[in-house]
PDB file of N, CA and C in Angstrom:
ATOM      1  N   MET A   1      28.274  -6.202 -51.898  1.00  0.00           N
ATOM      2  CA  MET A   1      28.513  -6.545 -50.342  1.00  0.00           C
ATOM      3  C   MET A   1      29.021  -5.712 -49.582  1.00  0.00           C
ATOM      4  N   GLU A   2      30.258  -4.804 -50.395  1.00  0.00           N
ATOM      5  CA  GLU A   2      31.056  -4.126 -49.724  1.00  0.00           C
ATOM      6  C   GLU A   2      30.424  -2.707 -49.072  1.00  0.00           C
ATOM      7  N   SER A   3      29.335  -2.338 -49.967  1.00  0.00           N
ATOM      8  CA  SER A   3      28.168  -0.986 -49.587  1.00  0.00           C
ATOM      9  C   SER A   3      27.687  -1.527 -48.303  1.00  0.00           C
ATOM     10  N   ARG A   4      27.322  -3.028 -48.282  1.00  0.00           N
ATOM     11  CA  ARG A   4      26.215  -3.394 -46.975  1.00  0.00           C
ATOM     12  C   ARG A   4      27.172  -2.980 -45.854  1.00  0.00           C
ATOM     13  N   ARG A   5      28.538  -3.964 -45.919  1.00  0.00           N
ATOM     14  CA  ARG A   5      29.348  -3.517 -44.685  1.00  0.00           C
ATOM     15  C   ARG A   5      29.602  -1.885 -44.191  1.00  0.00           C
ATOM     16  N   LYS A   6      29.681  -1.212 -45.160  1.00  0.00           N
ATOM     17  CA  LYS A   6      30.135   0.320 -45.030  1.00  0.00           C
ATOM     18  C   LYS A   6      28.666   0.757 -44.287  1.00  0.00           C
ATOM     19  N   PHE A   7      27.712   0.474 -44.782  1.00  0.00           N
ATOM     20  CA  PHE A   7      26.352   1.121 -44.413  1.00  0.00           C
ATOM     21  C   PHE A   7      26.453   0.284 -42.753  1.00  0.00           C
ATOM     22  N   LEU A   8      26.280  -1.004 -42.805  1.00  0.00           N
ATOM     23  CA  LEU A   8      26.287  -1.242 -41.406  1.00  0.00           C
ATOM     24  C   LEU A   8      27.265  -0.500 -40.156  1.00  0.00           C
ATOM     25  N   ALA A   9      28.424  -0.688 -40.744  1.00  0.00           N
ATOM     26  CA  ALA A   9      29.438  -0.337 -39.846  1.00  0.00           C
ATOM     27  C   ALA A   9      29.121   1.031 -39.593  1.00  0.00           C
ATOM     28  N   THR A  10      28.526   2.177 -40.583  1.00  0.00           N
ATOM     29  CA  THR A  10      28.178   3.549 -40.263  1.00  0.00           C
ATOM     30  C   THR A  10      26.873   3.621 -39.290  1.00  0.00           C
ATOM     31  N   THR A  11      26.130   2.676 -39.940  1.00  0.00           N
ATOM     32  CA  THR A  11      25.080   3.091 -38.703  1.00  0.00           C
ATOM     33  C   THR A  11      25.073   2.596 -37.306  1.00  0.00           C
ATOM     34  N   ILE A  12      26.128   1.708 -37.165  1.00  0.00           N
ATOM     35  CA  ILE A  12      26.402   1.266 -35.649  1.00  0.00           C
ATOM     36  C   ILE A  12      27.060   2.167 -35.042  1.00  0.00           C
ATOM     37  N   ALA A  13      28.533   2.836 -35.709  1.00  0.00           N
ATOM     38  CA  ALA A  13      29.356   3.652 -35.494  1.00  0.00           C
ATOM     39  C   ALA A  13      28.584   5.238 -34.972  1.00  0.00           C
ATOM     40  N   VAL A  14      27.320   5.562 -35.518  1.00  0.00           N
ATOM     41  CA  VAL A  14      26.391   6.708 -35.421  1.00  0.00           C
ATOM     42  C   VAL A  14      25.363   6.338 -34.429  1.00  0.00           C
ATOM     43  N   GLY A  15      24.886   4.952 -34.660  1.00  0.00           N
ATOM     44  CA  GLY A  15      23.949   4.840 -33.771  1.00  0.00           C
ATOM     45  C   GLY A  15      24.060   4.608 -32.450  1.00  0.00           C
ATOM     46  N   VAL A  16      24.990   3.810 -31.743  1.00  0.00           N
ATOM     47  CA  VAL A  16      25.324   3.078 -30.653  1.00  0.00           C
ATOM     48  C   VAL A  16      25.900   4.633 -29.924  1.00  0.00           C
ATOM     49  N   PRO A  17      26.657   6.049 -30.053  1.00  0.00           N
ATOM     50  CA  PRO A  17      26.665   6.755 -29.157  1.00  0.00           C
ATOM     51  C   PRO A  17      25.882   8.190 -29.405  1.00  0.00           C
ATOM     52  N   ALA A  18      24.724   7.666 -30.251  1.00  0.00           N
ATOM     53  CA  ALA A  18      23.484   7.986 -30.180  1.00  0.00           C
ATOM     54  C   ALA A  18      22.469   8.094 -29.084  1.00  0.00           C
ATOM     55  N   GLY A  19      22.733   6.694 -28.934  1.00  0.00           N
ATOM     56  CA  GLY A  19      21.901   6.090 -27.864  1.00  0.00           C
ATOM     57  C   GLY A  19      22.075   6.013 -26.563  1.00  0.00           C
ATOM     58  N   ILE A  20      23.713   6.128 -26.677  1.00  0.00           N
ATOM     59  CA  ILE A  20      24.264   6.019 -25.076  1.00  0.00           C
ATOM     60  C   ILE A  20      24.038   8.027 -24.793  1.00  0.00           C
ATOM     61  N   LEU A  21      23.893   8.645 -25.637  1.00  0.00           N
ATOM     62  CA  LEU A  21      23.932  10.193 -25.395  1.00  0.00           C
ATOM     63  C   LEU A  21      22.620  10.166 -25.093  1.00  0.00           C
ATOM     64  N   ALA A  22      21.759   9.784 -25.631  1.00  0.00           N
ATOM     65  CA  ALA A  22      20.178   9.860 -25.134  1.00  0.00           C
ATOM     66  C   ALA A  22      19.877   9.600 -23.628  1.00  0.00           C
ATOM     67  N   LEU A  23      20.550   8.275 -23.058  1.00  0.00           N
ATOM     68  CA  LEU A  23      20.227   7.962 -21.778  1.00  0.00           C
ATOM     69  C   LEU A  23      21.122   8.693 -21.058  1.00  0.00           C
ATOM     70  N   VAL A  24      22.084   9.367 -21.191  1.00  0.00           N
ATOM     71  CA  VAL A  24      22.713  10.240 -20.329  1.00  0.00           C
ATOM     72  C   VAL A  24      21.997  11.001 -19.520  1.00  0.00           C
ATOM     73  N   PRO A  25      21.292  12.238 -20.366  1.00  0.00           N
ATOM     74  CA  PRO A  25      20.899  13.175 -19.768  1.00  0.00           C
ATOM     75  C   PRO A  25      19.550  12.466 -18.659  1.00  0.00           C
ATOM     76  N   SER A  26      18.683  11.744 -19.084  1.00  0.00           N
ATOM     77  CA  SER A  26      17.697  10.919 -18.033  1.00  0.00           C
ATOM     78  C   SER A  26      18.380  10.594 -16.939  1.00  0.00           C
ATOM     79  N   ALA A  27      19.698   9.626 -17.107  1.00  0.00           N
ATOM     80  CA  ALA A  27      20.196   9.370 -15.864  1.00  0.00           C
ATOM     81  C   ALA A  27      21.148  10.548 -15.031  1.00  0.00           C
ATOM     82  N   GLN A  28      21.001  11.649 -15.779  1.00  0.00           N
ATOM     83  CA  GLN A  28      21.646  12.409 -14.797  1.00  0.00           C
ATOM     84  C   GLN A  28      20.673  13.322 -13.918  1.00  0.00           C
ATOM     85  N   VAL A  29      19.220  13.177 -14.544  1.00  0.00           N
ATOM     86  CA  VAL A  29      18.123  13.656 -14.172  1.00  0.00           C
ATOM     87  C   VAL A  29      17.525  12.899 -12.711  1.00  0.00           C
ATOM     88  N   ARG A  30      17.909  11.784 -13.016  1.00  0.00           N
ATOM     89  CA  ARG A  30      17.236  10.704 -11.668  1.00  0.00           C
ATOM     90  C   ARG A  30      18.056  10.850 -11.060  1.00  0.00           C
ATOM     91  N   GLY A  31      19.578  11.134 -11.223  1.00  0.00           N
ATOM     92  CA  GLY A  31      20.594  11.381  -9.810  1.00  0.00           C
ATOM     93  C   GLY A  31      20.623  12.057  -8.828  1.00  0.00           C
ATOM     94  N   GLN A  32      19.748  13.307  -9.417  1.00  0.00           N
ATOM     95  CA  GLN A  32      19.807  14.870  -8.779  1.00  0.00           C
ATOM     96  C   GLN A  32      18.558  14.433  -7.509  1.00  0.00           C
ATOM     97  N   ARG A  33      18.883  14.988  -6.751  1.00  0.00           N
ATOM     98  CA  ARG A  33      17.877  15.410  -5.530  1.00  0.00           C
ATOM     99  C   ARG A  33      17.188  16.405  -5.368  1.00  0.00           C
ATOM    100  N   PRO A  34      15.836  16.146  -5.276  1.00  0.00           N
ATOM    101  CA  PRO A  34      15.061  17.287  -4.935  1.00  0.00           C
ATOM    102  C   PRO A  34      15.446  18.140  -3.906  1.00  0.00           C
ATOM    103  N   GLN A  35      14.876  19.553  -4.243  1.00  0.00           N
ATOM    104  CA  GLN A  35      15.439  20.700  -3.541  1.00  0.00           C
ATOM    105  C   GLN A  35      14.421  20.995  -2.769  1.00  0.00           C
ATOM    106  N   ILE A  36      14.734  20.953  -1.065  1.00  0.00           N
ATOM    107  CA  ILE A  36      13.843  21.012   0.088  1.00  0.00           C
ATOM    108  C   ILE A  36      13.690  22.648   0.420  1.00  0.00           C
ATOM    109  N   THR A  37      12.432  23.272   0.162  1.00  0.00           N
ATOM    110  CA  THR A  37      12.262  24.407   0.464  1.00  0.00           C
ATOM    111  C   THR A  37      12.326  24.415   2.262  1.00  0.00           C
ATOM    112  N   GLN A  38      12.560  25.961   2.453  1.00  0.00           N
ATOM    113  CA  GLN A  38      12.266  26.077   3.800  1.00  0.00           C
ATOM    114  C   GLN A  38      10.752  25.990   4.320  1.00  0.00           C
ATOM    115  N   GLN A  39       9.721  26.233   3.258  1.00  0.00           N
ATOM    116  CA  GLN A  39       8.287  26.027   3.481  1.00  0.00           C
ATOM    117  C   GLN A  39       8.159  24.007   3.946  1.00  0.00           C
ATOM    118  N   GLN A  40       8.918  23.888   3.422  1.00  0.00           N
ATOM    119  CA  GLN A  40       8.773  21.970   3.750  1.00  0.00           C
ATOM    120  C   GLN A  40       9.525  22.052   4.833  1.00  0.00           C
ATOM    121  N   LYS A  41      10.386  22.119   5.230  1.00  0.00           N
ATOM    122  CA  LYS A  41      11.127  21.842   6.238  1.00  0.00           C
ATOM    123  C   LYS A  41      10.312  22.251   7.165  1.00  0.00           C
ATOM    124  N   GLU A  42       9.656  23.693   7.283  1.00  0.00           N
ATOM    125  CA  GLU A  42       8.855  23.938   8.473  1.00  0.00           C
ATOM    126  C   GLU A  42       7.422  23.127   8.762  1.00  0.00           C
ATOM    127  N   ASP A  43       6.900  22.858   7.460  1.00  0.00           N
ATOM    128  CA  ASP A  43       5.668  21.659   7.207  1.00  0.00           C
ATOM    129  C   ASP A  43       6.607  20.411   7.878  1.00  0.00           C
ATOM    130  N   ASP A  44       7.447  20.128   7.850  1.00  0.00           N
ATOM    131  CA  ASP A  44       8.009  18.765   8.239  1.00  0.00           C
ATOM    132  C   ASP A  44       7.744  18.615   9.838  1.00  0.00           C
ATOM    133  N   SER A  45       8.442  19.891  10.345  1.00  0.00           N
ATOM    134  CA  SER A  45       8.579  20.392  11.816  1.00  0.00           C
ATOM    135  C   SER A  45       7.401  20.336  12.541  1.00  0.00           C
ATOM    136  N   ASN A  46       6.344  21.003  11.851  1.00  0.00           N
ATOM    137  CA  ASN A  46       4.879  21.493  12.289  1.00  0.00           C
ATOM    138  C   ASN A  46       4.492  19.636  12.983  1.00  0.00           C
ATOM    139  N   ALA A  47       4.587  18.933  11.524  1.00  0.00           N
ATOM    140  CA  ALA A  47       3.874  17.512  11.883  1.00  0.00           C
ATOM    141  C   ALA A  47       4.451  16.783  12.869  1.00  0.00           C
ATOM    142  N   SER A  48       5.873  16.835  13.044  1.00  0.00           N
ATOM    143  CA  SER A  48       6.206  16.128  13.980  1.00  0.00           C
ATOM    144  C   SER A  48       6.036  16.563  15.472  1.00  0.00           C
ATOM    145  N   LYS A  49       5.182  17.780  15.394  1.00  0.00           N
ATOM    146  CA  LYS A  49       4.681  18.485  16.996  1.00  0.00           C
ATOM    147  C   LYS A  49       3.682  17.800  17.457  1.00  0.00           C
ATOM    148  N   ILE A  50       2.646  16.849  16.348  1.00  0.00           N
ATOM    149  CA  ILE A  50       1.505  16.188  17.119  1.00  0.00           C
ATOM    150  C   ILE A  50       2.089  15.600  18.096  1.00  0.00           C
ATOM    151  N   ASP A  51       0.924  15.305  19.237  1.00  0.00           N
ATOM    152  CA  ASP A  51       1.470  14.730  20.520  1.00  0.00           C
ATOM    153  C   ASP A  51       0.946  13.533  20.247  1.00  0.00           C
ATOM    154  N   PRO A  52       2.095  12.569  20.482  1.00  0.00           N
ATOM    155  CA  PRO A  52       1.821  11.049  20.502  1.00  0.00           C
ATOM    156  C   PRO A  52       0.880  10.486  21.433  1.00  0.00           C
ATOM    157  N   LYS A  53       0.522  11.343  22.515  1.00  0.00           N
ATOM    158  CA  LYS A  53      -0.645  10.773  23.392  1.00  0.00           C
ATOM    159  C   LYS A  53      -1.832  10.736  22.698  1.00  0.00           C
ATOM    160  N   LEU A  54      -2.385  11.752  21.779  1.00  0.00           N
ATOM    161  CA  LEU A  54      -3.561  11.984  21.248  1.00  0.00           C
ATOM    162  C   LEU A  54      -3.572  11.079  20.072  1.00  0.00           C
ATOM    163  N   ILE A  55      -2.454  10.822  19.515  1.00  0.00           N
ATOM    164  CA  ILE A  55      -2.499   9.604  18.741  1.00  0.00           C
ATOM    165  C   ILE A  55      -3.064   8.261  19.264  1.00  0.00           C
ATOM    166  N   LEU A  56      -2.707   7.884  20.313  1.00  0.00           N
ATOM    167  CA  LEU A  56      -2.652   6.938  21.160  1.00  0.00           C
ATOM    168  C   LEU A  56      -4.302   6.840  21.536  1.00  0.00           C
ATOM    169  N   GLU A  57      -4.739   7.817  21.870  1.00  0.00           N
ATOM    170  CA  GLU A  57      -5.864   8.076  22.359  1.00  0.00           C
ATOM    171  C   GLU A  57      -7.023   7.548  21.306  1.00  0.00           C
ATOM    172  N   ALA A  58      -6.662   8.425  20.152  1.00  0.00           N
ATOM    173  CA  ALA A  58      -7.583   8.036  19.225  1.00  0.00           C
ATOM    174  C   ALA A  58      -7.656   6.515  18.701  1.00  0.00           C
ATOM    175  N   ASN A  59      -6.377   5.919  18.726  1.00  0.00           N
ATOM    176  CA  ASN A  59      -6.064   4.341  18.535  1.00  0.00           C
ATOM    177  C   ASN A  59      -6.841   3.787  19.313  1.00  0.00           C
ATOM    178  N   GLN A  60      -6.706   3.799  20.828  1.00  0.00           N
ATOM    179  CA  GLN A  60      -7.711   3.042  21.627  1.00  0.00           C
ATOM    180  C   GLN A  60      -8.997   3.301  21.241  1.00  0.00           C
ATOM    181  N   LYS A  61      -9.869   4.430  20.810  1.00  0.00           N
ATOM    182  CA  LYS A  61     -11.123   4.897  20.563  1.00  0.00           C
ATOM    183  C   LYS A  61     -11.268   3.691  19.754  1.00  0.00           C
ATOM    184  N   GLU A  62     -10.722   3.556  18.564  1.00  0.00           N
ATOM    185  CA  GLU A  62     -11.079   3.323  16.996  1.00  0.00           C
ATOM    186  C   GLU A  62     -11.084   1.536  17.794  1.00  0.00           C
ATOM    187  N   ILE A  63      -9.985   1.121  18.299  1.00  0.00           N
ATOM    188  CA  ILE A  63      -9.702  -0.277  18.534  1.00  0.00           C
ATOM    189  C   ILE A  63     -11.365  -0.998  19.414  1.00  0.00           C
ATOM    190  N   LYS A  64     -11.422  -0.244  20.317  1.00  0.00           N
ATOM    191  CA  LYS A  64     -12.478  -0.124  21.173  1.00  0.00           C
ATOM    192  C   LYS A  64     -14.018  -0.547  20.319  1.00  0.00           C
ATOM    193  N   LYS A  65     -13.958   0.429  19.353  1.00  0.00           N
ATOM    194  CA  LYS A  65     -15.463   0.688  18.112  1.00  0.00           C
ATOM    195  C   LYS A  65     -15.114  -0.625  17.853  1.00  0.00           C
ATOM    196  N   SER A  66     -13.888  -1.232  16.827  1.00  0.00           N
ATOM    197  CA  SER A  66     -13.707  -2.226  16.182  1.00  0.00           C
ATOM    198  C   SER A  66     -13.824  -3.632  16.933  1.00  0.00           C
ATOM    199  N   VAL A  67     -13.475  -3.575  17.859  1.00  0.00           N
ATOM    200  CA  VAL A  67     -13.729  -5.058  19.211  1.00  0.00           C
ATOM    201  C   VAL A  67     -15.171  -4.725  19.279  1.00  0.00           C
ATOM    202  N   GLU A  68     -16.262  -3.845  19.474  1.00  0.00           N
ATOM    203  CA  GLU A  68     -17.606  -4.001  19.984  1.00  0.00           C
ATOM    204  C   GLU A  68     -18.376  -4.552  18.671  1.00  0.00           C
ATOM    205  N   ARG A  69     -17.709  -4.202  17.453  1.00  0.00           N
ATOM    206  CA  ARG A  69     -18.160  -4.707  15.986  1.00  0.00           C
ATOM    207  C   ARG A  69     -18.234  -5.887  15.785  1.00  0.00           C
ATOM    208  N   LEU A  70     -16.843  -6.146  16.127  1.00  0.00           N
ATOM    209  CA  LEU A  70     -16.450  -7.722  16.039  1.00  0.00           C
ATOM    210  C   LEU A  70     -17.086  -8.465  16.841  1.00  0.00           C
ATOM    211  N   TYR A  71     -17.474  -8.087  18.140  1.00  0.00           N
ATOM    212  CA  TYR A  71     -18.352  -9.161  18.904  1.00  0.00           C
ATOM    213  C   TYR A  71     -19.759  -8.852  18.524  1.00  0.00           C
ATOM    214  N   ASP A  72     -20.122  -7.982  17.655  1.00  0.00           N
ATOM    215  CA  ASP A  72     -21.859  -8.257  17.359  1.00  0.00           C
ATOM    216  C   ASP A  72     -21.601  -8.946  16.055  1.00  0.00           C
ATOM    217  N   LEU A  73     -20.646  -9.071  14.862  1.00  0.00           N
ATOM    218  CA  LEU A  73     -20.555 -10.135  14.170  1.00  0.00           C
ATOM    219  C   LEU A  73     -20.304 -11.248  14.503  1.00  0.00           C
ATOM    220  N   ALA A  74     -19.609 -11.458  15.377  1.00  0.00           N
ATOM    221  CA  ALA A  74     -19.040 -12.962  15.489  1.00  0.00           C
ATOM    222  C   ALA A  74     -20.617 -13.409  16.528  1.00  0.00           C
ATOM    223  N   SER A  75     -21.258 -12.839  17.282  1.00  0.00           N
ATOM    224  CA  SER A  75     -22.447 -12.921  17.722  1.00  0.00           C
ATOM    225  C   SER A  75     -23.773 -13.524  16.724  1.00  0.00           C
ATOM    226  N   GLU A  76     -23.708 -12.900  15.367  1.00  0.00           N
ATOM    227  CA  GLU A  76     -24.671 -12.911  14.370  1.00  0.00           C
ATOM    228  C   GLU A  76     -24.345 -13.946  13.671  1.00  0.00           C
ATOM    229  N   LEU A  77     -22.889 -14.430  13.824  1.00  0.00           N
ATOM    230  CA  LEU A  77     -22.355 -15.676  12.934  1.00  0.00           C
ATOM    231  C   LEU A  77     -22.946 -16.770  13.892  1.00  0.00           C
ATOM    232  N   LYS A  78     -22.721 -16.369  14.864  1.00  0.00           N
ATOM    233  CA  LYS A  78     -23.247 -17.893  15.669  1.00  0.00           C
ATOM    234  C   LYS A  78     -24.513 -18.195  15.829  1.00  0.00           C
ATOM    235  N   ALA A  79     -25.497 -17.316  15.730  1.00  0.00           N
ATOM    236  CA  ALA A  79     -26.565 -17.286  15.355  1.00  0.00           C
ATOM    237  C   ALA A  79     -27.177 -18.102  14.262  1.00  0.00           C
ATOM    238  N   GLU A  80     -26.180 -17.701  12.933  1.00  0.00           N
ATOM    239  CA  GLU A  80     -26.449 -17.889  11.871  1.00  0.00           C
ATOM    240  C   GLU A  80     -25.882 -19.686  11.736  1.00  0.00           C
ATOM    241  N   VAL A  81     -24.913 -19.710  12.348  1.00  0.00           N
ATOM    242  CA  VAL A  81     -24.745 -21.473  12.337  1.00  0.00           C
ATOM    243  C   VAL A  81     -25.777 -21.966  12.699  1.00  0.00           C
ATOM    244  N   GLU A  82     -26.093 -21.690  14.244  1.00  0.00           N
ATOM    245  CA  GLU A  82     -27.388 -22.458  14.862  1.00  0.00           C
ATOM    246  C   GLU A  82     -28.518 -22.803  14.326  1.00  0.00           C
ATOM    247  N   LYS A  83     -28.378 -21.536  13.485  1.00  0.00           N
ATOM    248  CA  LYS A  83     -30.379 -21.876  12.833  1.00  0.00           C
ATOM    249  C   LYS A  83     -29.884 -22.595  11.481  1.00  0.00           C
ATOM    250  N   THR A  84     -28.739 -22.549  10.889  1.00  0.00           N
ATOM    251  CA  THR A  84     -28.652 -23.173   9.550  1.00  0.00           C
ATOM    252  C   THR A  84     -28.129 -24.629   9.757  1.00  0.00           C
ATOM    253  N   ASP A  85     -28.231 -25.837   8.608  1.00  0.00           N
ATOM    254  CA  ASP A  85     -27.421 -27.261   9.001  1.00  0.00           C
ATOM    255  C   ASP A  85     -26.172 -26.972   8.285  1.00  0.00           C
ATOM    256  N   SER A  86     -25.113 -26.470   8.846  1.00  0.00           N
ATOM    257  CA  SER A  86     -23.855 -26.294   8.223  1.00  0.00           C
ATOM    258  C   SER A  86     -23.223 -27.484   7.933  1.00  0.00           C
ATOM    259  N   VAL A  87     -23.724 -28.899   8.097  1.00  0.00           N
ATOM    260  CA  VAL A  87     -23.244 -30.078   7.811  1.00  0.00           C
ATOM    261  C   VAL A  87     -22.964 -30.053   6.362  1.00  0.00           C
ATOM    262  N   HIS A  88     -23.847 -29.533   5.630  1.00  0.00           N
ATOM    263  CA  HIS A  88     -23.917 -30.088   4.516  1.00  0.00           C
ATOM    264  C   HIS A  88     -24.029 -28.794   3.495  1.00  0.00           C
ATOM    265  N   VAL A  89     -24.368 -27.723   4.075  1.00  0.00           N
ATOM    266  CA  VAL A  89     -24.475 -26.492   3.455  1.00  0.00           C
ATOM    267  C   VAL A  89     -23.825 -24.984   4.019  1.00  0.00           C
ATOM    268  N   LEU A  90     -22.798 -24.016   3.307  1.00  0.00           N
ATOM    269  CA  LEU A  90     -22.737 -23.182   3.912  1.00  0.00           C
ATOM    270  C   LEU A  90     -23.427 -22.085   3.342  1.00  0.00           C
ATOM    271  N   SER A  91     -23.998 -20.977   3.993  1.00  0.00           N
ATOM    272  CA  SER A  91     -24.771 -19.979   3.094  1.00  0.00           C
ATOM    273  C   SER A  91     -23.434 -18.804   2.802  1.00  0.00           C
ATOM    274  N   ILE A  92     -24.142 -18.304   2.006  1.00  0.00           N
ATOM    275  CA  ILE A  92     -22.832 -17.258   1.337  1.00  0.00           C
ATOM    276  C   ILE A  92     -23.445 -16.090   2.433  1.00  0.00           C
ATOM    277  N   VAL A  93     -24.136 -15.894   3.459  1.00  0.00           N
ATOM    278  CA  VAL A  93     -23.955 -14.901   4.590  1.00  0.00           C
ATOM    279  C   VAL A  93     -23.202 -15.081   5.551  1.00  0.00           C
ATOM    280  N   MET A  94     -22.766 -16.467   5.991  1.00  0.00           N
ATOM    281  CA  MET A  94     -22.127 -16.782   6.586  1.00  0.00           C
ATOM    282  C   MET A  94     -20.604 -16.807   6.183  1.00  0.00           C
ATOM    283  N   LEU A  95     -20.314 -16.776   4.739  1.00  0.00           N
ATOM    284  CA  LEU A  95     -19.165 -16.752   4.439  1.00  0.00           C
ATOM    285  C   LEU A  95     -18.713 -15.095   4.564  1.00  0.00           C
ATOM    286  N   ARG A  96     -20.029 -14.676   4.020  1.00  0.00           N
ATOM    287  CA  ARG A  96     -19.531 -12.791   4.224  1.00  0.00           C
ATOM    288  C   ARG A  96     -19.064 -12.492   5.035  1.00  0.00           C
ATOM    289  N   LYS A  97     -19.739 -12.789   6.044  1.00  0.00           N
ATOM    290  CA  LYS A  97     -19.620 -12.697   7.759  1.00  0.00           C
ATOM    291  C   LYS A  97     -18.169 -13.038   8.234  1.00  0.00           C
ATOM    292  N   THR A  98     -17.760 -14.054   7.995  1.00  0.00           N
ATOM    293  CA  THR A  98     -16.772 -14.645   8.389  1.00  0.00           C
ATOM    294  C   THR A  98     -15.513 -13.589   7.715  1.00  0.00           C
ATOM    295  N   ASP A  99     -15.721 -13.398   6.265  1.00  0.00           N
ATOM    296  CA  ASP A  99     -14.558 -12.327   5.720  1.00  0.00           C
ATOM    297  C   ASP A  99     -14.627 -11.047   6.478  1.00  0.00           C
ATOM    298  N   GLU A 100     -15.864 -10.526   6.701  1.00  0.00           N
ATOM    299  CA  GLU A 100     -15.788  -9.354   7.344  1.00  0.00           C
ATOM    300  C   GLU A 100     -15.177  -9.332   8.720  1.00  0.00           C
ATOM    301  N   ILE A 101     -15.240 -10.478   9.496  1.00  0.00           N
ATOM    302  CA  ILE A 101     -15.020 -10.669  10.742  1.00  0.00           C
ATOM    303  C   ILE A 101     -13.134 -10.491  10.741  1.00  0.00           C
ATOM    304  N   GLU A 102     -13.087 -11.789   9.364  1.00  0.00           N
ATOM    305  CA  GLU A 102     -11.573 -11.220   9.461  1.00  0.00           C
ATOM    306  C   GLU A 102     -10.783 -10.250   8.795  1.00  0.00           C
ATOM    307  N   LYS A 103     -11.421  -9.571   8.159  1.00  0.00           N
ATOM    308  CA  LYS A 103     -10.811  -8.181   8.236  1.00  0.00           C
ATOM    309  C   LYS A 103     -10.841  -7.309   9.117  1.00  0.00           C
ATOM    310  N   LEU A 104     -12.082  -7.316   9.869  1.00  0.00           N
ATOM    311  CA  LEU A 104     -12.097  -6.350  11.216  1.00  0.00           C
ATOM    312  C   LEU A 104     -10.582  -6.788  12.214  1.00  0.00           C
ATOM    313  N   ALA A 105     -10.790  -8.401  12.079  1.00  0.00           N
ATOM    314  CA  ALA A 105      -9.579  -8.828  13.202  1.00  0.00           C
ATOM    315  C   ALA A 105      -8.207  -8.257  12.618  1.00  0.00           C
ATOM    316  N   LYS A 106      -8.037  -8.080  11.496  1.00  0.00           N
ATOM    317  CA  LYS A 106      -6.752  -8.122  10.999  1.00  0.00           C
ATOM    318  C   LYS A 106      -6.571  -6.314  10.986  1.00  0.00           C
ATOM    319  N   GLU A 107      -7.721  -5.600  11.109  1.00  0.00           N
ATOM    320  CA  GLU A 107      -7.531  -3.867  11.178  1.00  0.00           C
ATOM    321  C   GLU A 107      -7.337  -3.866  12.829  1.00  0.00           C
ATOM    322  N   ILE A 108      -8.048  -4.708  13.445  1.00  0.00           N
ATOM    323  CA  ILE A 108      -7.326  -4.305  15.237  1.00  0.00           C
ATOM    324  C   ILE A 108      -5.979  -4.495  15.061  1.00  0.00           C
ATOM    325  N   ARG A 109      -5.557  -5.506  14.693  1.00  0.00           N
ATOM    326  CA  ARG A 109      -4.279  -6.173  15.022  1.00  0.00           C
ATOM    327  C   ARG A 109      -3.231  -5.097  14.635  1.00  0.00           C
ATOM    328  N   SER A 110      -3.627  -4.585  13.440  1.00  0.00           N
ATOM    329  CA  SER A 110      -2.484  -3.382  12.699  1.00  0.00           C
ATOM    330  C   SER A 110      -2.647  -2.260  13.641  1.00  0.00           C
ATOM    331  N   ARG A 111      -3.834  -1.868  14.436  1.00  0.00           N
ATOM    332  CA  ARG A 111      -3.930  -0.821  14.842  1.00  0.00           C
ATOM    333  C   ARG A 111      -3.463  -1.030  16.221  1.00  0.00           C
ATOM    334  N   ALA A 112      -3.358  -1.898  16.954  1.00  0.00           N
ATOM    335  CA  ALA A 112      -2.531  -2.627  18.199  1.00  0.00           C
ATOM    336  C   ALA A 112      -1.008  -2.712  17.988  1.00  0.00           C
ATOM    337  N   LYS A 113      -0.758  -2.861  17.008  1.00  0.00           N
ATOM    338  CA  LYS A 113       0.554  -2.995  16.805  1.00  0.00           C
ATOM    339  C   LYS A 113       1.432  -1.423  16.369  1.00  0.00           C
ATOM    340  N   GLY A 114       0.484  -0.741  16.058  1.00  0.00           N
ATOM    341  CA  GLY A 114       0.672   0.766  16.191  1.00  0.00           C
ATOM    342  C   GLY A 114       1.047   1.160  14.609  1.00  0.00           C
TER     343      GLY A 114
END
């Protein structure tokens, strides 16, 4: 019984500090900040020189294309609803179109927000 106690005490006395020491170097590595080189600083400054007007114009063009596509999809969905008896059955084509319309509308909204 005494030998078991000594064994457990020795194992705990050696194991706990060893476990703590194993965690310390990894904590030090996580705490270090990555070094930013001069090249990275120049790349960041070049990226910020992009003209915001160009970005806004590109977004505007994409929004116009998306709105046209949305209009086409809504017209197709309207035609599909008119030719089917949607009181009893919803066709898979209609459900896919509604999903696509919803996805496109969310995309337009996110582009409009910027």
